[in-house]
Amino acid sequence: MSAMQQISTNTLNTNVQKDLNFTWSTQAILFCAIIIACIGLNVDSAPVVIGAMLISPLMAPIVGIGYGLGNSNPKLL
C-alpha cells in the first residue's frame, strides 16, 4: 500500500485558478454546446441535450465554486 501524496494549499489554489481561465477556445466550445442544447430542446430530444451537456466545458467552474465555498475564498466565487 503506497502512502498518499499531499499537496500544499498554494499548489492547489494555483491549479484551480489556472483551470478557470476563460479563453477563446472555451468560449467557442460553450457556444457550440449552447446551440446543440437549443436544438435538442426545440426537437424535444433528451439524448441531444445530454450530448450538449457532455461537450460543455463546465467542470472547471463547478470545481472553482466548490473550492471557493469550501475555503471561504470570495475571489474564486
PDB file of N, CA and C in Angstrom:
ATOM      1  N   MET A   1       0.855  -1.177   0.000  1.00  0.00           N
ATOM      2  CA  MET A   1       0.000   0.000   0.000  1.00  0.00           C
ATOM      3  C   MET A   1       0.902   1.242   0.000  1.00  0.00           C
ATOM      4  N   SER A   2       0.676   2.124  -0.953  1.00  0.00           N
ATOM      5  CA  SER A   2       1.505   3.320  -1.043  1.00  0.00           C
ATOM      6  C   SER A   2       0.920   4.452  -0.197  1.00  0.00           C
ATOM      7  N   ALA A   3       1.799   5.308   0.253  1.00  0.00           N
ATOM      8  CA  ALA A   3       1.367   6.453   1.061  1.00  0.00           C
ATOM      9  C   ALA A   3       0.711   7.491   0.152  1.00  0.00           C
ATOM     10  N   MET A   4      -0.293   8.169   0.680  1.00  0.00           N
ATOM     11  CA  MET A   4      -0.973   9.210  -0.092  1.00  0.00           C
ATOM     12  C   MET A   4      -0.086  10.439  -0.205  1.00  0.00           C
ATOM     13  N   GLN A   5      -0.100  11.036  -1.380  1.00  0.00           N
ATOM     14  CA  GLN A   5       0.662  12.265  -1.558  1.00  0.00           C
ATOM     15  C   GLN A   5      -0.188  13.443  -1.134  1.00  0.00           C
ATOM     16  N   GLN A   6       0.431  14.401  -0.507  1.00  0.00           N
ATOM     17  CA  GLN A   6      -0.259  15.611  -0.113  1.00  0.00           C
ATOM     18  C   GLN A   6       0.350  16.775  -0.884  1.00  0.00           C
ATOM     19  N   ILE A   7      -0.513  17.675  -1.322  1.00  0.00           N
ATOM     20  CA  ILE A   7      -0.018  18.869  -1.992  1.00  0.00           C
ATOM     21  C   ILE A   7      -0.326  20.073  -1.119  1.00  0.00           C
ATOM     22  N   SER A   8       0.450  21.115  -1.310  1.00  0.00           N
ATOM     23  CA  SER A   8       0.259  22.302  -0.477  1.00  0.00           C
ATOM     24  C   SER A   8      -0.985  23.067  -0.925  1.00  0.00           C
ATOM     25  N   THR A   9      -1.487  23.883  -0.039  1.00  0.00           N
ATOM     26  CA  THR A   9      -2.651  24.706  -0.343  1.00  0.00           C
ATOM     27  C   THR A   9      -2.349  25.679  -1.473  1.00  0.00           C
ATOM     28  N   ASN A  10      -1.131  26.225  -1.493  1.00  0.00           N
ATOM     29  CA  ASN A  10      -0.770  27.151  -2.566  1.00  0.00           C
ATOM     30  C   ASN A  10      -0.786  26.462  -3.925  1.00  0.00           C
ATOM     31  N   THR A  11      -0.301  25.230  -3.997  1.00  0.00           N
ATOM     32  CA  THR A  11      -0.316  24.481  -5.256  1.00  0.00           C
ATOM     33  C   THR A  11      -1.743  24.211  -5.697  1.00  0.00           C
ATOM     34  N   LEU A  12      -2.601  23.832  -4.773  1.00  0.00           N
ATOM     35  CA  LEU A  12      -3.998  23.575  -5.097  1.00  0.00           C
ATOM     36  C   LEU A  12      -4.697  24.853  -5.564  1.00  0.00           C
ATOM     37  N   ASN A  13      -4.454  25.969  -4.865  1.00  0.00           N
ATOM     38  CA  ASN A  13      -5.026  27.253  -5.288  1.00  0.00           C
ATOM     39  C   ASN A  13      -4.585  27.609  -6.699  1.00  0.00           C
ATOM     40  N   THR A  14      -3.307  27.430  -6.986  1.00  0.00           N
ATOM     41  CA  THR A  14      -2.768  27.759  -8.304  1.00  0.00           C
ATOM     42  C   THR A  14      -3.404  26.888  -9.387  1.00  0.00           C
ATOM     43  N   ASN A  15      -3.535  25.594  -9.119  1.00  0.00           N
ATOM     44  CA  ASN A  15      -4.122  24.687 -10.104  1.00  0.00           C
ATOM     45  C   ASN A  15      -5.584  25.005 -10.384  1.00  0.00           C
ATOM     46  N   VAL A  16      -6.351  25.298  -9.352  1.00  0.00           N
ATOM     47  CA  VAL A  16      -7.771  25.614  -9.543  1.00  0.00           C
ATOM     48  C   VAL A  16      -7.918  26.925 -10.309  1.00  0.00           C
ATOM     49  N   GLN A  17      -7.143  27.947  -9.949  1.00  0.00           N
ATOM     50  CA  GLN A  17      -7.248  29.233 -10.632  1.00  0.00           C
ATOM     51  C   GLN A  17      -6.764  29.152 -12.074  1.00  0.00           C
ATOM     52  N   LYS A  18      -5.758  28.312 -12.332  1.00  0.00           N
ATOM     53  CA  LYS A  18      -5.250  28.158 -13.694  1.00  0.00           C
ATOM     54  C   LYS A  18      -6.310  27.552 -14.603  1.00  0.00           C
ATOM     55  N   ASP A  19      -7.110  26.626 -14.079  1.00  0.00           N
ATOM     56  CA  ASP A  19      -8.141  25.976 -14.875  1.00  0.00           C
ATOM     57  C   ASP A  19      -9.344  26.870 -15.130  1.00  0.00           C
ATOM     58  N   LEU A  20      -9.452  27.991 -14.429  1.00  0.00           N
ATOM     59  CA  LEU A  20     -10.602  28.879 -14.582  1.00  0.00           C
ATOM     60  C   LEU A  20     -10.417  29.948 -15.656  1.00  0.00           C
ATOM     61  N   ASN A  21      -9.338  29.881 -16.421  1.00  0.00           N
ATOM     62  CA  ASN A  21      -9.136  30.859 -17.494  1.00  0.00           C
ATOM     63  C   ASN A  21     -10.208  30.685 -18.560  1.00  0.00           C
ATOM     64  N   PHE A  22     -10.818  31.787 -18.952  1.00  0.00           N
ATOM     65  CA  PHE A  22     -11.901  31.766 -19.933  1.00  0.00           C
ATOM     66  C   PHE A  22     -11.322  32.188 -21.278  1.00  0.00           C
ATOM     67  N   THR A  23     -10.794  31.230 -22.015  1.00  0.00           N
ATOM     68  CA  THR A  23     -10.116  31.511 -23.278  1.00  0.00           C
ATOM     69  C   THR A  23     -11.096  31.495 -24.441  1.00  0.00           C
ATOM     70  N   TRP A  24     -10.571  31.852 -25.622  1.00  0.00           N
ATOM     71  CA  TRP A  24     -11.395  31.870 -26.828  1.00  0.00           C
ATOM     72  C   TRP A  24     -11.900  30.479 -27.156  1.00  0.00           C
ATOM     73  N   SER A  25     -11.053  29.465 -27.002  1.00  0.00           N
ATOM     74  CA  SER A  25     -11.475  28.098 -27.334  1.00  0.00           C
ATOM     75  C   SER A  25     -12.563  27.606 -26.378  1.00  0.00           C
ATOM     76  N   THR A  26     -12.471  27.984 -25.116  1.00  0.00           N
ATOM     77  CA  THR A  26     -13.510  27.615 -24.155  1.00  0.00           C
ATOM     78  C   THR A  26     -14.834  28.269 -24.525  1.00  0.00           C
ATOM     79  N   GLN A  27     -14.783  29.527 -24.943  1.00  0.00           N
ATOM     80  CA  GLN A  27     -15.994  30.228 -25.364  1.00  0.00           C
ATOM     81  C   GLN A  27     -16.604  29.579 -26.601  1.00  0.00           C
ATOM     82  N   ALA A  28     -15.774  29.157 -27.543  1.00  0.00           N
ATOM     83  CA  ALA A  28     -16.270  28.535 -28.770  1.00  0.00           C
ATOM     84  C   ALA A  28     -16.949  27.200 -28.468  1.00  0.00           C
ATOM     85  N   ILE A  29     -16.344  26.397 -27.598  1.00  0.00           N
ATOM     86  CA  ILE A  29     -16.940  25.109 -27.234  1.00  0.00           C
ATOM     87  C   ILE A  29     -18.248  25.328 -26.490  1.00  0.00           C
ATOM     88  N   LEU A  30     -18.277  26.314 -25.596  1.00  0.00           N
ATOM     89  CA  LEU A  30     -19.505  26.610 -24.857  1.00  0.00           C
ATOM     90  C   LEU A  30     -20.604  27.089 -25.793  1.00  0.00           C
ATOM     91  N   PHE A  31     -20.257  27.900 -26.781  1.00  0.00           N
ATOM     92  CA  PHE A  31     -21.247  28.374 -27.757  1.00  0.00           C
ATOM     93  C   PHE A  31     -21.827  27.198 -28.550  1.00  0.00           C
ATOM     94  N   CYS A  32     -20.969  26.277 -28.973  1.00  0.00           N
ATOM     95  CA  CYS A  32     -21.450  25.100 -29.706  1.00  0.00           C
ATOM     96  C   CYS A  32     -22.369  24.249 -28.832  1.00  0.00           C
ATOM     97  N   ALA A  33     -22.017  24.082 -27.565  1.00  0.00           N
ATOM     98  CA  ALA A  33     -22.855  23.306 -26.647  1.00  0.00           C
ATOM     99  C   ALA A  33     -24.210  23.986 -26.451  1.00  0.00           C
ATOM    100  N   ILE A  34     -24.224  25.301 -26.393  1.00  0.00           N
ATOM    101  CA  ILE A  34     -25.485  26.035 -26.241  1.00  0.00           C
ATOM    102  C   ILE A  34     -26.375  25.834 -27.459  1.00  0.00           C
ATOM    103  N   ILE A  35     -25.783  25.919 -28.650  1.00  0.00           N
ATOM    104  CA  ILE A  35     -26.559  25.730 -29.882  1.00  0.00           C
ATOM    105  C   ILE A  35     -27.129  24.311 -29.940  1.00  0.00           C
ATOM    106  N   ILE A  36     -26.304  23.311 -29.615  1.00  0.00           N
ATOM    107  CA  ILE A  36     -26.768  21.922 -29.638  1.00  0.00           C
ATOM    108  C   ILE A  36     -27.882  21.712 -28.617  1.00  0.00           C
ATOM    109  N   ALA A  37     -27.748  22.291 -27.427  1.00  0.00           N
ATOM    110  CA  ALA A  37     -28.791  22.159 -26.405  1.00  0.00           C
ATOM    111  C   ALA A  37     -30.086  22.829 -26.853  1.00  0.00           C
ATOM    112  N   CYS A  38     -29.983  23.975 -27.510  1.00  0.00           N
ATOM    113  CA  CYS A  38     -31.190  24.652 -28.011  1.00  0.00           C
ATOM    114  C   CYS A  38     -31.893  23.809 -29.069  1.00  0.00           C
ATOM    115  N   ILE A  39     -31.122  23.210 -29.952  1.00  0.00           N
ATOM    116  CA  ILE A  39     -31.710  22.339 -30.970  1.00  0.00           C
ATOM    117  C   ILE A  39     -32.386  21.142 -30.304  1.00  0.00           C
ATOM    118  N   GLY A  40     -31.718  20.560 -29.323  1.00  0.00           N
ATOM    119  CA  GLY A  40     -32.300  19.426 -28.605  1.00  0.00           C
ATOM    120  C   GLY A  40     -33.582  19.776 -27.885  1.00  0.00           C
ATOM    121  N   LEU A  41     -33.633  20.976 -27.322  1.00  0.00           N
ATOM    122  CA  LEU A  41     -34.867  21.404 -26.655  1.00  0.00           C
ATOM    123  C   LEU A  41     -35.980  21.660 -27.658  1.00  0.00           C
ATOM    124  N   ASN A  42     -35.641  22.226 -28.805  1.00  0.00           N
ATOM    125  CA  ASN A  42     -36.659  22.519 -29.821  1.00  0.00           C
ATOM    126  C   ASN A  42     -37.259  21.257 -30.432  1.00  0.00           C
ATOM    127  N   VAL A  43     -36.463  20.212 -30.586  1.00  0.00           N
ATOM    128  CA  VAL A  43     -36.991  18.973 -31.168  1.00  0.00           C
ATOM    129  C   VAL A  43     -37.400  17.971 -30.090  1.00  0.00           C
ATOM    130  N   ASP A  44     -37.345  18.379 -28.834  1.00  0.00           N
ATOM    131  CA  ASP A  44     -37.760  17.561 -27.688  1.00  0.00           C
ATOM    132  C   ASP A  44     -36.995  16.241 -27.656  1.00  0.00           C
ATOM    133  N   SER A  45     -35.666  16.340 -27.699  1.00  0.00           N
ATOM    134  CA  SER A  45     -34.805  15.166 -27.723  1.00  0.00           C
ATOM    135  C   SER A  45     -33.846  15.196 -26.528  1.00  0.00           C
ATOM    136  N   ALA A  46     -34.121  14.343 -25.557  1.00  0.00           N
ATOM    137  CA  ALA A  46     -33.270  14.280 -24.363  1.00  0.00           C
ATOM    138  C   ALA A  46     -31.837  13.841 -24.686  1.00  0.00           C
ATOM    139  N   PRO A  47     -31.614  12.872 -25.580  1.00  0.00           N
ATOM    140  CA  PRO A  47     -30.221  12.494 -25.874  1.00  0.00           C
ATOM    141  C   PRO A  47     -29.383  13.630 -26.451  1.00  0.00           C
ATOM    142  N   VAL A  48     -29.986  14.495 -27.237  1.00  0.00           N
ATOM    143  CA  VAL A  48     -29.245  15.625 -27.795  1.00  0.00           C
ATOM    144  C   VAL A  48     -28.881  16.618 -26.695  1.00  0.00           C
ATOM    145  N   VAL A  49     -29.776  16.848 -25.766  1.00  0.00           N
ATOM    146  CA  VAL A  49     -29.493  17.750 -24.640  1.00  0.00           C
ATOM    147  C   VAL A  49     -28.388  17.160 -23.758  1.00  0.00           C
ATOM    148  N   ILE A  50     -28.438  15.863 -23.533  1.00  0.00           N
ATOM    149  CA  ILE A  50     -27.387  15.212 -22.747  1.00  0.00           C
ATOM    150  C   ILE A  50     -26.054  15.298 -23.479  1.00  0.00           C
ATOM    151  N   GLY A  51     -26.059  15.152 -24.794  1.00  0.00           N
ATOM    152  CA  GLY A  51     -24.837  15.307 -25.581  1.00  0.00           C
ATOM    153  C   GLY A  51     -24.261  16.705 -25.461  1.00  0.00           C
ATOM    154  N   ALA A  52     -25.125  17.704 -25.432  1.00  0.00           N
ATOM    155  CA  ALA A  52     -24.654  19.080 -25.256  1.00  0.00           C
ATOM    156  C   ALA A  52     -24.026  19.266 -23.882  1.00  0.00           C
ATOM    157  N   MET A  53     -24.597  18.607 -22.873  1.00  0.00           N
ATOM    158  CA  MET A  53     -24.006  18.699 -21.539  1.00  0.00           C
ATOM    159  C   MET A  53     -22.642  18.024 -21.492  1.00  0.00           C
ATOM    160  N   LEU A  54     -22.464  16.962 -22.259  1.00  0.00           N
ATOM    161  CA  LEU A  54     -21.188  16.258 -22.262  1.00  0.00           C
ATOM    162  C   LEU A  54     -20.068  17.069 -22.899  1.00  0.00           C
ATOM    163  N   ILE A  55     -20.377  17.887 -23.903  1.00  0.00           N
ATOM    164  CA  ILE A  55     -19.312  18.652 -24.553  1.00  0.00           C
ATOM    165  C   ILE A  55     -19.106  20.027 -23.929  1.00  0.00           C
ATOM    166  N   SER A  56     -19.978  20.435 -23.026  1.00  0.00           N
ATOM    167  CA  SER A  56     -19.826  21.767 -22.436  1.00  0.00           C
ATOM    168  C   SER A  56     -18.671  21.785 -21.435  1.00  0.00           C
ATOM    169  N   PRO A  57     -17.872  22.850 -21.458  1.00  0.00           N
ATOM    170  CA  PRO A  57     -16.707  22.937 -20.556  1.00  0.00           C
ATOM    171  C   PRO A  57     -17.070  23.562 -19.212  1.00  0.00           C
ATOM    172  N   LEU A  58     -17.904  22.882 -18.450  1.00  0.00           N
ATOM    173  CA  LEU A  58     -18.389  23.466 -17.201  1.00  0.00           C
ATOM    174  C   LEU A  58     -17.776  22.863 -15.944  1.00  0.00           C
ATOM    175  N   MET A  59     -16.893  21.882 -16.093  1.00  0.00           N
ATOM    176  CA  MET A  59     -16.350  21.229 -14.897  1.00  0.00           C
ATOM    177  C   MET A  59     -15.435  22.157 -14.103  1.00  0.00           C
ATOM    178  N   ALA A  60     -14.595  22.923 -14.777  1.00  0.00           N
ATOM    179  CA  ALA A  60     -13.674  23.820 -14.064  1.00  0.00           C
ATOM    180  C   ALA A  60     -14.424  24.883 -13.251  1.00  0.00           C
ATOM    181  N   PRO A  61     -15.470  25.531 -13.805  1.00  0.00           N
ATOM    182  CA  PRO A  61     -16.208  26.487 -12.972  1.00  0.00           C
ATOM    183  C   PRO A  61     -16.904  25.840 -11.770  1.00  0.00           C
ATOM    184  N   ILE A  62     -17.387  24.620 -11.947  1.00  0.00           N
ATOM    185  CA  ILE A  62     -18.032  23.929 -10.831  1.00  0.00           C
ATOM    186  C   ILE A  62     -17.011  23.626  -9.735  1.00  0.00           C
ATOM    187  N   VAL A  63     -15.823  23.169 -10.132  1.00  0.00           N
ATOM    188  CA  VAL A  63     -14.758  22.905  -9.155  1.00  0.00           C
ATOM    189  C   VAL A  63     -14.347  24.205  -8.466  1.00  0.00           C
ATOM    190  N   GLY A  64     -14.255  25.304  -9.219  1.00  0.00           N
ATOM    191  CA  GLY A  64     -13.889  26.593  -8.638  1.00  0.00           C
ATOM    192  C   GLY A  64     -14.903  27.075  -7.620  1.00  0.00           C
ATOM    193  N   ILE A  65     -16.183  26.903  -7.920  1.00  0.00           N
ATOM    194  CA  ILE A  65     -17.230  27.314  -6.977  1.00  0.00           C
ATOM    195  C   ILE A  65     -17.156  26.467  -5.713  1.00  0.00           C
ATOM    196  N   GLY A  66     -17.023  25.153  -5.874  1.00  0.00           N
ATOM    197  CA  GLY A  66     -16.941  24.268  -4.713  1.00  0.00           C
ATOM    198  C   GLY A  66     -15.715  24.552  -3.860  1.00  0.00           C
ATOM    199  N   TYR A  67     -14.581  24.768  -4.516  1.00  0.00           N
ATOM    200  CA  TYR A  67     -13.352  25.059  -3.775  1.00  0.00           C
ATOM    201  C   TYR A  67     -13.443  26.424  -3.090  1.00  0.00           C
ATOM    202  N   GLY A  68     -14.036  27.398  -3.771  1.00  0.00           N
ATOM    203  CA  GLY A  68     -14.207  28.720  -3.171  1.00  0.00           C
ATOM    204  C   GLY A  68     -15.129  28.692  -1.969  1.00  0.00           C
ATOM    205  N   LEU A  69     -16.209  27.910  -2.056  1.00  0.00           N
ATOM    206  CA  LEU A  69     -17.121  27.781  -0.917  1.00  0.00           C
ATOM    207  C   LEU A  69     -16.455  27.036   0.235  1.00  0.00           C
ATOM    208  N   GLY A  70     -15.704  25.979  -0.088  1.00  0.00           N
ATOM    209  CA  GLY A  70     -15.063  25.185   0.952  1.00  0.00           C
ATOM    210  C   GLY A  70     -13.983  25.940   1.705  1.00  0.00           C
ATOM    211  N   ASN A  71     -13.313  26.857   1.029  1.00  0.00           N
ATOM    212  CA  ASN A  71     -12.226  27.613   1.655  1.00  0.00           C
ATOM    213  C   ASN A  71     -12.592  29.056   1.974  1.00  0.00           C
ATOM    214  N   SER A  72     -13.848  29.408   1.818  1.00  0.00           N
ATOM    215  CA  SER A  72     -14.320  30.783   2.045  1.00  0.00           C
ATOM    216  C   SER A  72     -13.474  31.777   1.259  1.00  0.00           C
ATOM    217  N   ASN A  73     -13.288  31.493  -0.018  1.00  0.00           N
ATOM    218  CA  ASN A  73     -12.482  32.334  -0.906  1.00  0.00           C
ATOM    219  C   ASN A  73     -13.411  33.070  -1.869  1.00  0.00           C
ATOM    220  N   PRO A  74     -13.766  34.319  -1.565  1.00  0.00           N
ATOM    221  CA  PRO A  74     -14.704  35.033  -2.427  1.00  0.00           C
ATOM    222  C   PRO A  74     -14.160  35.329  -3.817  1.00  0.00           C
ATOM    223  N   LYS A  75     -12.836  35.338  -3.973  1.00  0.00           N
ATOM    224  CA  LYS A  75     -12.248  35.606  -5.282  1.00  0.00           C
ATOM    225  C   LYS A  75     -12.617  34.480  -6.267  1.00  0.00           C
ATOM    226  N   LEU A  76     -12.624  33.251  -5.808  1.00  0.00           N
ATOM    227  CA  LEU A  76     -12.986  32.136  -6.677  1.00  0.00           C
ATOM    228  C   LEU A  76     -14.486  32.093  -6.956  1.00  0.00           C
ATOM    229  N   LEU A  77     -15.285  32.565  -6.017  1.00  0.00           N
ATOM    230  CA  LEU A  77     -16.729  32.569  -6.241  1.00  0.00           C
ATOM    231  C   LEU A  77     -17.084  33.630  -7.258  1.00  0.00           C
TER     232      LEU A  77
END
